[in-house]
PDB file of N, CA and C in Angstrom:
ATOM      1  N   MET A   1     -32.283  93.168 138.668  1.00  0.00           N
ATOM      2  CA  MET A   1     -31.648  91.870 138.532  1.00  0.00           C
ATOM      3  C   MET A   1     -31.658  91.174 139.884  1.00  0.00           C
ATOM      4  N   SER A   2     -31.841  89.889 139.882  1.00  0.00           N
ATOM      5  CA  SER A   2     -31.898  89.101 141.099  1.00  0.00           C
ATOM      6  C   SER A   2     -30.510  88.763 141.606  1.00  0.00           C
ATOM      7  N   THR A   3     -30.406  88.652 142.914  1.00  0.00           N
ATOM      8  CA  THR A   3     -29.148  88.205 143.502  1.00  0.00           C
ATOM      9  C   THR A   3     -29.113  86.674 143.466  1.00  0.00           C
ATOM     10  N   VAL A   4     -27.951  86.139 143.714  1.00  0.00           N
ATOM     11  CA  VAL A   4     -27.812  84.686 143.718  1.00  0.00           C
ATOM     12  C   VAL A   4     -28.716  84.082 144.786  1.00  0.00           C
ATOM     13  N   GLN A   5     -28.774  84.703 145.950  1.00  0.00           N
ATOM     14  CA  GLN A   5     -29.623  84.177 147.016  1.00  0.00           C
ATOM     15  C   GLN A   5     -31.091  84.197 146.610  1.00  0.00           C
ATOM     16  N   GLU A   6     -31.538  85.238 145.933  1.00  0.00           N
ATOM     17  CA  GLU A   6     -32.926  85.300 145.464  1.00  0.00           C
ATOM     18  C   GLU A   6     -33.204  84.195 144.440  1.00  0.00           C
ATOM     19  N   ILE A   7     -32.239  83.956 143.600  1.00  0.00           N
ATOM     20  CA  ILE A   7     -32.394  82.886 142.598  1.00  0.00           C
ATOM     21  C   ILE A   7     -32.474  81.529 143.295  1.00  0.00           C
ATOM     22  N   LYS A   8     -31.591  81.296 144.273  1.00  0.00           N
ATOM     23  CA  LYS A   8     -31.622  80.042 145.018  1.00  0.00           C
ATOM     24  C   LYS A   8     -32.971  79.838 145.705  1.00  0.00           C
ATOM     25  N   THR A   9     -33.492  80.894 146.297  1.00  0.00           N
ATOM     26  CA  THR A   9     -34.780  80.817 146.979  1.00  0.00           C
ATOM     27  C   THR A   9     -35.889  80.492 145.985  1.00  0.00           C
ATOM     28  N   ALA A  10     -35.862  81.131 144.833  1.00  0.00           N
ATOM     29  CA  ALA A  10     -36.876  80.868 143.807  1.00  0.00           C
ATOM     30  C   ALA A  10     -36.788  79.423 143.315  1.00  0.00           C
ATOM     31  N   ILE A  11     -35.580  78.927 143.143  1.00  0.00           N
ATOM     32  CA  ILE A  11     -35.406  77.544 142.698  1.00  0.00           C
ATOM     33  C   ILE A  11     -35.941  76.576 143.744  1.00  0.00           C
ATOM     34  N   ALA A  12     -35.685  76.862 145.014  1.00  0.00           N
ATOM     35  CA  ALA A  12     -36.160  75.989 146.087  1.00  0.00           C
ATOM     36  C   ALA A  12     -37.683  75.922 146.110  1.00  0.00           C
ATOM     37  N   ARG A  13     -38.338  76.953 145.639  1.00  0.00           N
ATOM     38  CA  ARG A  13     -39.805  76.995 145.632  1.00  0.00           C
ATOM     39  C   ARG A  13     -40.418  76.291 144.421  1.00  0.00           C
ATOM     40  N   LEU A  14     -39.608  75.955 143.446  1.00  0.00           N
ATOM     41  CA  LEU A  14     -40.133  75.298 142.245  1.00  0.00           C
ATOM     42  C   LEU A  14     -40.632  73.890 142.567  1.00  0.00           C
ATOM     43  N   PRO A  15     -41.667  73.459 141.866  1.00  0.00           N
ATOM     44  CA  PRO A  15     -42.062  72.052 141.977  1.00  0.00           C
ATOM     45  C   PRO A  15     -40.904  71.167 141.497  1.00  0.00           C
ATOM     46  N   LEU A  16     -40.849  69.970 142.011  1.00  0.00           N
ATOM     47  CA  LEU A  16     -39.743  69.064 141.719  1.00  0.00           C
ATOM     48  C   LEU A  16     -39.518  68.871 140.228  1.00  0.00           C
ATOM     49  N   GLU A  17     -40.586  68.710 139.457  1.00  0.00           N
ATOM     50  CA  GLU A  17     -40.434  68.502 138.014  1.00  0.00           C
ATOM     51  C   GLU A  17     -39.796  69.704 137.336  1.00  0.00           C
ATOM     52  N   GLU A  18     -40.228  70.920 137.723  1.00  0.00           N
ATOM     53  CA  GLU A  18     -39.650  72.124 137.115  1.00  0.00           C
ATOM     54  C   GLU A  18     -38.195  72.305 137.550  1.00  0.00           C
ATOM     55  N   ARG A  19     -37.891  71.951 138.784  1.00  0.00           N
ATOM     56  CA  ARG A  19     -36.512  72.051 139.258  1.00  0.00           C
ATOM     57  C   ARG A  19     -35.626  71.085 138.476  1.00  0.00           C
ATOM     58  N   ALA A  20     -36.133  69.894 138.205  1.00  0.00           N
ATOM     59  CA  ALA A  20     -35.364  68.911 137.425  1.00  0.00           C
ATOM     60  C   ALA A  20     -35.111  69.424 136.007  1.00  0.00           C
ATOM     61  N   LEU A  21     -36.113  70.060 135.415  1.00  0.00           N
ATOM     62  CA  LEU A  21     -35.931  70.632 134.074  1.00  0.00           C
ATOM     63  C   LEU A  21     -34.871  71.735 134.091  1.00  0.00           C
ATOM     64  N   LEU A  22     -34.901  72.561 135.120  1.00  0.00           N
ATOM     65  CA  LEU A  22     -33.918  73.634 135.247  1.00  0.00           C
ATOM     66  C   LEU A  22     -32.507  73.066 135.399  1.00  0.00           C
ATOM     67  N   VAL A  23     -32.368  72.060 136.232  1.00  0.00           N
ATOM     68  CA  VAL A  23     -31.061  71.435 136.436  1.00  0.00           C
ATOM     69  C   VAL A  23     -30.541  70.855 135.119  1.00  0.00           C
ATOM     70  N   ALA A  24     -31.399  70.169 134.395  1.00  0.00           N
ATOM     71  CA  ALA A  24     -30.991  69.594 133.110  1.00  0.00           C
ATOM     72  C   ALA A  24     -30.553  70.691 132.143  1.00  0.00           C
ATOM     73  N   GLU A  25     -31.279  71.782 132.126  1.00  0.00           N
ATOM     74  CA  GLU A  25     -30.937  72.905 131.244  1.00  0.00           C
ATOM     75  C   GLU A  25     -29.590  73.517 131.634  1.00  0.00           C
ATOM     76  N   LEU A  26     -29.394  73.741 132.919  1.00  0.00           N
ATOM     77  CA  LEU A  26     -28.147  74.342 133.378  1.00  0.00           C
ATOM     78  C   LEU A  26     -26.958  73.415 133.148  1.00  0.00           C
ATOM     79  N   CYS A  27     -27.148  72.133 133.377  1.00  0.00           N
ATOM     80  CA  CYS A  27     -26.055  71.180 133.148  1.00  0.00           C
ATOM     81  C   CYS A  27     -25.681  71.134 131.670  1.00  0.00           C
ATOM     82  N   GLY A  28     -26.665  71.157 130.815  1.00  0.00           N
ATOM     83  CA  GLY A  28     -26.387  71.167 129.389  1.00  0.00           C
ATOM     84  C   GLY A  28     -25.650  72.420 128.966  1.00  0.00           C
ATOM     85  N   TRP A  29     -26.036  73.543 129.528  1.00  0.00           N
ATOM     86  CA  TRP A  29     -25.379  74.808 129.219  1.00  0.00           C
ATOM     87  C   TRP A  29     -23.932  74.792 129.682  1.00  0.00           C
ATOM     88  N   THR A  30     -23.703  74.310 130.889  1.00  0.00           N
ATOM     89  CA  THR A  30     -22.353  74.245 131.428  1.00  0.00           C
ATOM     90  C   THR A  30     -21.499  73.271 130.628  1.00  0.00           C
ATOM     91  N   ASN A  31     -22.067  72.120 130.300  1.00  0.00           N
ATOM     92  CA  ASN A  31     -21.294  71.128 129.565  1.00  0.00           C
ATOM     93  C   ASN A  31     -20.931  71.614 128.173  1.00  0.00           C
ATOM     94  N   ASP A  32     -21.805  72.386 127.542  1.00  0.00           N
ATOM     95  CA  ASP A  32     -21.485  72.918 126.224  1.00  0.00           C
ATOM     96  C   ASP A  32     -20.236  73.793 126.284  1.00  0.00           C
ATOM     97  N   ALA A  33     -20.187  74.669 127.269  1.00  0.00           N
ATOM     98  CA  ALA A  33     -19.025  75.545 127.423  1.00  0.00           C
ATOM     99  C   ALA A  33     -17.780  74.725 127.749  1.00  0.00           C
ATOM    100  N   TRP A  34     -17.950  73.734 128.625  1.00  0.00           N
ATOM    101  CA  TRP A  34     -16.835  72.862 128.984  1.00  0.00           C
ATOM    102  C   TRP A  34     -16.329  72.101 127.763  1.00  0.00           C
ATOM    103  N   ASP A  35     -17.247  71.541 127.003  1.00  0.00           N
ATOM    104  CA  ASP A  35     -16.864  70.773 125.813  1.00  0.00           C
ATOM    105  C   ASP A  35     -16.117  71.639 124.815  1.00  0.00           C
ATOM    106  N   ARG A  36     -16.596  72.870 124.584  1.00  0.00           N
ATOM    107  CA  ARG A  36     -15.911  73.771 123.643  1.00  0.00           C
ATOM    108  C   ARG A  36     -14.503  74.084 124.132  1.00  0.00           C
ATOM    109  N   ARG A  37     -14.351  74.309 125.419  1.00  0.00           N
ATOM    110  CA  ARG A  37     -13.029  74.620 125.974  1.00  0.00           C
ATOM    111  C   ARG A  37     -12.084  73.430 125.841  1.00  0.00           C
ATOM    112  N   MET A  38     -12.598  72.240 126.135  1.00  0.00           N
ATOM    113  CA  MET A  38     -11.766  71.036 126.025  1.00  0.00           C
ATOM    114  C   MET A  38     -11.340  70.804 124.579  1.00  0.00           C
ATOM    115  N   GLN A  39     -12.255  71.005 123.636  1.00  0.00           N
ATOM    116  CA  GLN A  39     -11.922  70.825 122.226  1.00  0.00           C
ATOM    117  C   GLN A  39     -10.875  71.836 121.783  1.00  0.00           C
ATOM    118  N   ALA A  40     -11.016  73.074 122.231  1.00  0.00           N
ATOM    119  CA  ALA A  40     -10.040  74.110 121.871  1.00  0.00           C
ATOM    120  C   ALA A  40      -8.673  73.796 122.475  1.00  0.00           C
ATOM    121  N   ASP A  41      -8.661  73.362 123.738  1.00  0.00           N
ATOM    122  CA  ASP A  41      -7.394  73.021 124.385  1.00  0.00           C
ATOM    123  C   ASP A  41      -6.726  71.831 123.699  1.00  0.00           C
ATOM    124  N   ALA A  42      -7.529  70.836 123.321  1.00  0.00           N
ATOM    125  CA  ALA A  42      -6.969  69.667 122.630  1.00  0.00           C
ATOM    126  C   ALA A  42      -6.385  70.070 121.284  1.00  0.00           C
ATOM    127  N   ALA A  43      -7.093  70.919 120.553  1.00  0.00           N
ATOM    128  CA  ALA A  43      -6.610  71.371 119.248  1.00  0.00           C
ATOM    129  C   ALA A  43      -5.319  72.183 119.387  1.00  0.00           C
ATOM    130  N   ALA A  44      -5.169  72.876 120.522  1.00  0.00           N
ATOM    131  CA  ALA A  44      -3.971  73.685 120.762  1.00  0.00           C
ATOM    132  C   ALA A  44      -2.809  72.849 121.288  1.00  0.00           C
ATOM    133  N   GLY A  45      -3.043  71.536 121.477  1.00  0.00           N
ATOM    134  CA  GLY A  45      -1.964  70.659 121.926  1.00  0.00           C
ATOM    135  C   GLY A  45      -1.728  70.647 123.419  1.00  0.00           C
ATOM    136  N   LYS A  46      -2.659  71.187 124.188  1.00  0.00           N
ATOM    137  CA  LYS A  46      -2.459  71.269 125.634  1.00  0.00           C
ATOM    138  C   LYS A  46      -2.496  69.916 126.339  1.00  0.00           C
ATOM    139  N   PHE A  47      -2.951  68.880 125.665  1.00  0.00           N
ATOM    140  CA  PHE A  47      -3.024  67.556 126.277  1.00  0.00           C
ATOM    141  C   PHE A  47      -1.974  66.600 125.733  1.00  0.00           C
ATOM    142  N   ASN A  48      -1.097  67.108 124.894  1.00  0.00           N
ATOM    143  CA  ASN A  48      -0.079  66.250 124.293  1.00  0.00           C
ATOM    144  C   ASN A  48       0.789  65.565 125.343  1.00  0.00           C
ATOM    145  N   SER A  49       1.124  66.289 126.416  1.00  0.00           N
ATOM    146  CA  SER A  49       1.970  65.678 127.445  1.00  0.00           C
ATOM    147  C   SER A  49       1.253  64.523 128.132  1.00  0.00           C
ATOM    148  N   LEU A  50      -0.070  64.592 128.235  1.00  0.00           N
ATOM    149  CA  LEU A  50      -0.816  63.476 128.825  1.00  0.00           C
ATOM    150  C   LEU A  50      -0.699  62.234 127.964  1.00  0.00           C
ATOM    151  N   ASN A  51      -0.764  62.427 126.662  1.00  0.00           N
ATOM    152  CA  ASN A  51      -0.610  61.292 125.753  1.00  0.00           C
ATOM    153  C   ASN A  51       0.787  60.692 125.854  1.00  0.00           C
ATOM    154  N   GLU A  52       1.785  61.556 125.992  1.00  0.00           N
ATOM    155  CA  GLU A  52       3.155  61.070 126.110  1.00  0.00           C
ATOM    156  C   GLU A  52       3.354  60.343 127.435  1.00  0.00           C
ATOM    157  N   ASP A  53       2.785  60.887 128.511  1.00  0.00           N
ATOM    158  CA  ASP A  53       2.922  60.267 129.824  1.00  0.00           C
ATOM    159  C   ASP A  53       2.214  58.924 129.897  1.00  0.00           C
ATOM    160  N   SER A  54       1.200  58.710 129.084  1.00  0.00           N
ATOM    161  CA  SER A  54       0.440  57.464 129.162  1.00  0.00           C
ATOM    162  C   SER A  54       1.282  56.248 128.803  1.00  0.00           C
ATOM    163  N   SER A  55       2.373  56.443 128.089  1.00  0.00           N
ATOM    164  CA  SER A  55       3.219  55.302 127.739  1.00  0.00           C
ATOM    165  C   SER A  55       3.890  54.708 128.979  1.00  0.00           C
ATOM    166  N   ALA A  56       3.955  55.451 130.075  1.00  0.00           N
ATOM    167  CA  ALA A  56       4.561  54.951 131.305  1.00  0.00           C
ATOM    168  C   ALA A  56       3.686  53.909 131.986  1.00  0.00           C
ATOM    169  N   TYR A  57       2.475  53.733 131.536  1.00  0.00           N
ATOM    170  CA  TYR A  57       1.564  52.794 132.168  1.00  0.00           C
ATOM    171  C   TYR A  57       1.702  51.377 131.625  1.00  0.00           C
ATOM    172  N   GLU A  58       2.758  51.150 130.884  1.00  0.00           N
ATOM    173  CA  GLU A  58       3.024  49.790 130.439  1.00  0.00           C
ATOM    174  C   GLU A  58       3.381  48.969 131.680  1.00  0.00           C
ATOM    175  N   PRO A  59       3.122  47.699 131.659  1.00  0.00           N
ATOM    176  CA  PRO A  59       3.404  46.872 132.842  1.00  0.00           C
ATOM    177  C   PRO A  59       4.843  47.027 133.337  1.00  0.00           C
ATOM    178  N   GLY A  60       4.961  47.241 134.657  1.00  0.00           N
ATOM    179  CA  GLY A  60       6.281  47.316 135.264  1.00  0.00           C
ATOM    180  C   GLY A  60       6.918  48.686 135.262  1.00  0.00           C
ATOM    181  N   ARG A  61       6.279  49.682 134.677  1.00  0.00           N
ATOM    182  CA  ARG A  61       6.906  51.001 134.605  1.00  0.00           C
ATOM    183  C   ARG A  61       6.232  52.023 135.512  1.00  0.00           C
ATOM    184  N   THR A  62       5.341  51.590 136.370  1.00  0.00           N
ATOM    185  CA  THR A  62       4.680  52.503 137.301  1.00  0.00           C
ATOM    186  C   THR A  62       4.801  51.957 138.712  1.00  0.00           C
ATOM    187  N   LYS A  63       4.586  52.834 139.697  1.00  0.00           N
ATOM    188  CA  LYS A  63       4.610  52.425 141.097  1.00  0.00           C
ATOM    189  C   LYS A  63       3.175  52.181 141.567  1.00  0.00           C
ATOM    190  N   PRO A  64       2.995  51.234 142.463  1.00  0.00           N
ATOM    191  CA  PRO A  64       1.667  51.050 143.044  1.00  0.00           C
ATOM    192  C   PRO A  64       1.256  52.302 143.828  1.00  0.00           C
ATOM    193  N   LEU A  65      -0.015  52.625 143.815  1.00  0.00           N
ATOM    194  CA  LEU A  65      -0.518  53.821 144.498  1.00  0.00           C
ATOM    195  C   LEU A  65      -0.159  53.805 145.979  1.00  0.00           C
ATOM    196  N   ASP A  66      -0.233  52.663 146.626  1.00  0.00           N
ATOM    197  CA  ASP A  66       0.105  52.581 148.049  1.00  0.00           C
ATOM    198  C   ASP A  66       1.532  53.044 148.306  1.00  0.00           C
ATOM    199  N   ASP A  67       2.464  52.689 147.423  1.00  0.00           N
ATOM    200  CA  ASP A  67       3.855  53.125 147.580  1.00  0.00           C
ATOM    201  C   ASP A  67       3.975  54.637 147.466  1.00  0.00           C
ATOM    202  N   ILE A  68       3.263  55.213 146.544  1.00  0.00           N
ATOM    203  CA  ILE A  68       3.300  56.668 146.354  1.00  0.00           C
ATOM    204  C   ILE A  68       2.723  57.372 147.571  1.00  0.00           C
ATOM    205  N   LEU A  69       1.609  56.870 148.075  1.00  0.00           N
ATOM    206  CA  LEU A  69       0.960  57.496 149.231  1.00  0.00           C
ATOM    207  C   LEU A  69       1.825  57.387 150.483  1.00  0.00           C
ATOM    208  N   GLU A  70       2.551  56.291 150.653  1.00  0.00           N
ATOM    209  CA  GLU A  70       3.430  56.129 151.813  1.00  0.00           C
ATOM    210  C   GLU A  70       4.587  57.115 151.781  1.00  0.00           C
ATOM    211  N   GLN A  71       5.018  57.514 150.593  1.00  0.00           N
ATOM    212  CA  GLN A  71       6.138  58.436 150.454  1.00  0.00           C
ATOM    213  C   GLN A  71       5.748  59.880 150.719  1.00  0.00           C
ATOM    214  N   SER A  72       4.461  60.187 150.662  1.00  0.00           N
ATOM    215  CA  SER A  72       4.066  61.593 150.820  1.00  0.00           C
ATOM    216  C   SER A  72       3.762  61.951 152.248  1.00  0.00           C
TER     217      SER A  72
END
């Protein structure tokens, strides 16, 4: 089995077109796993608090970012 460094070296040696194909393949693979996790988390209600917090963004109910940054 190849080490990560060996894989990186092999990728660096690929022609640009093949490297682009590899990147597209890897990004698609990563995004699939990410998408499945996000869907599972949403179904489990893990984002419900975000939906509830979004009501605070009505006009006049939030602080300007500059004010928050000055306080930290």
